């Protein structure tokens, strides 16, 4: 895996040389637009709205729409004047408690790998952040754009997670959201019990992108069938139901979850019984 950026973490007089690596992979399936008759790929053209004519690259400029249909043109020198100097450093401004940061601010993670002579300072920063529960809030310029970021410990790695600036986030106050709506104690108790029954331990490997896997499976089937569509399997989708009586729905959900819990306990009991038998044989 190739580093996409190299620089250093800096705070006070500390300087840690690091390399930046993506911490996520894009799993989105990419499709091409094709002509139906011969599957020839379709290319995009730059068409002007005014007359429908194709515009060559040398005649294209960048403009900012400040009012509907009104633009101000920005030239390359304008972008250079506003450009932030790429310092090749992750400048930590301050350290804050991780629990104080709303998760909505986090955007995209990257792994930081120490370069030569940076291992000891890297490990020291990582372990200190782990012990204190804090993260470093920094600004970094990547590919000519300035980002807000947090430096977080993750197992043996330091992660640089790009963040949204506060001005980028839309306030939920702009939405029509319900208040308390006189929620009854019985409803709350049943909802809490249902959540308790459905509570487990976080294991990210349990969750898969089912749509992507189903689409890939269909693609492989079509390849095997020479492009023909395989017969459709019976749908197992649940139809949404109208919620009329919340208490009845919660009660039904509790009964359903109870069966699930009982099945899990029975499975666990059988597993324990098998272990006991194996233990007796071994003894």
Foldseek 3Di string as FASTA:
>chain_A
DDFQAWAWEDDDHDTFTKTKAFPDDDPDDDDFDADPPPRHGDDDFCADPVPRDTDDPVPDFDWDPPDVVDTDTDDPVNCVVVFDDQPRYWYFPDKDAPVVDDPQFWDGKIWIGTDPPRVVVQQVVLVVCVVVNIWTWTWHARPRDIFIWTWHHDPRITMTTTTDDPVVDDDCVVPDDDDPVPDDPLLVVLVVVLVVLVDDDDDVVVDDPVVSVVVVVQVVVCVVVVNDGDDDDDDPDDDDDDDDDSSVVSVVSVVVSVVVVVVVVVVVVVVVVVVVVVVVVVD
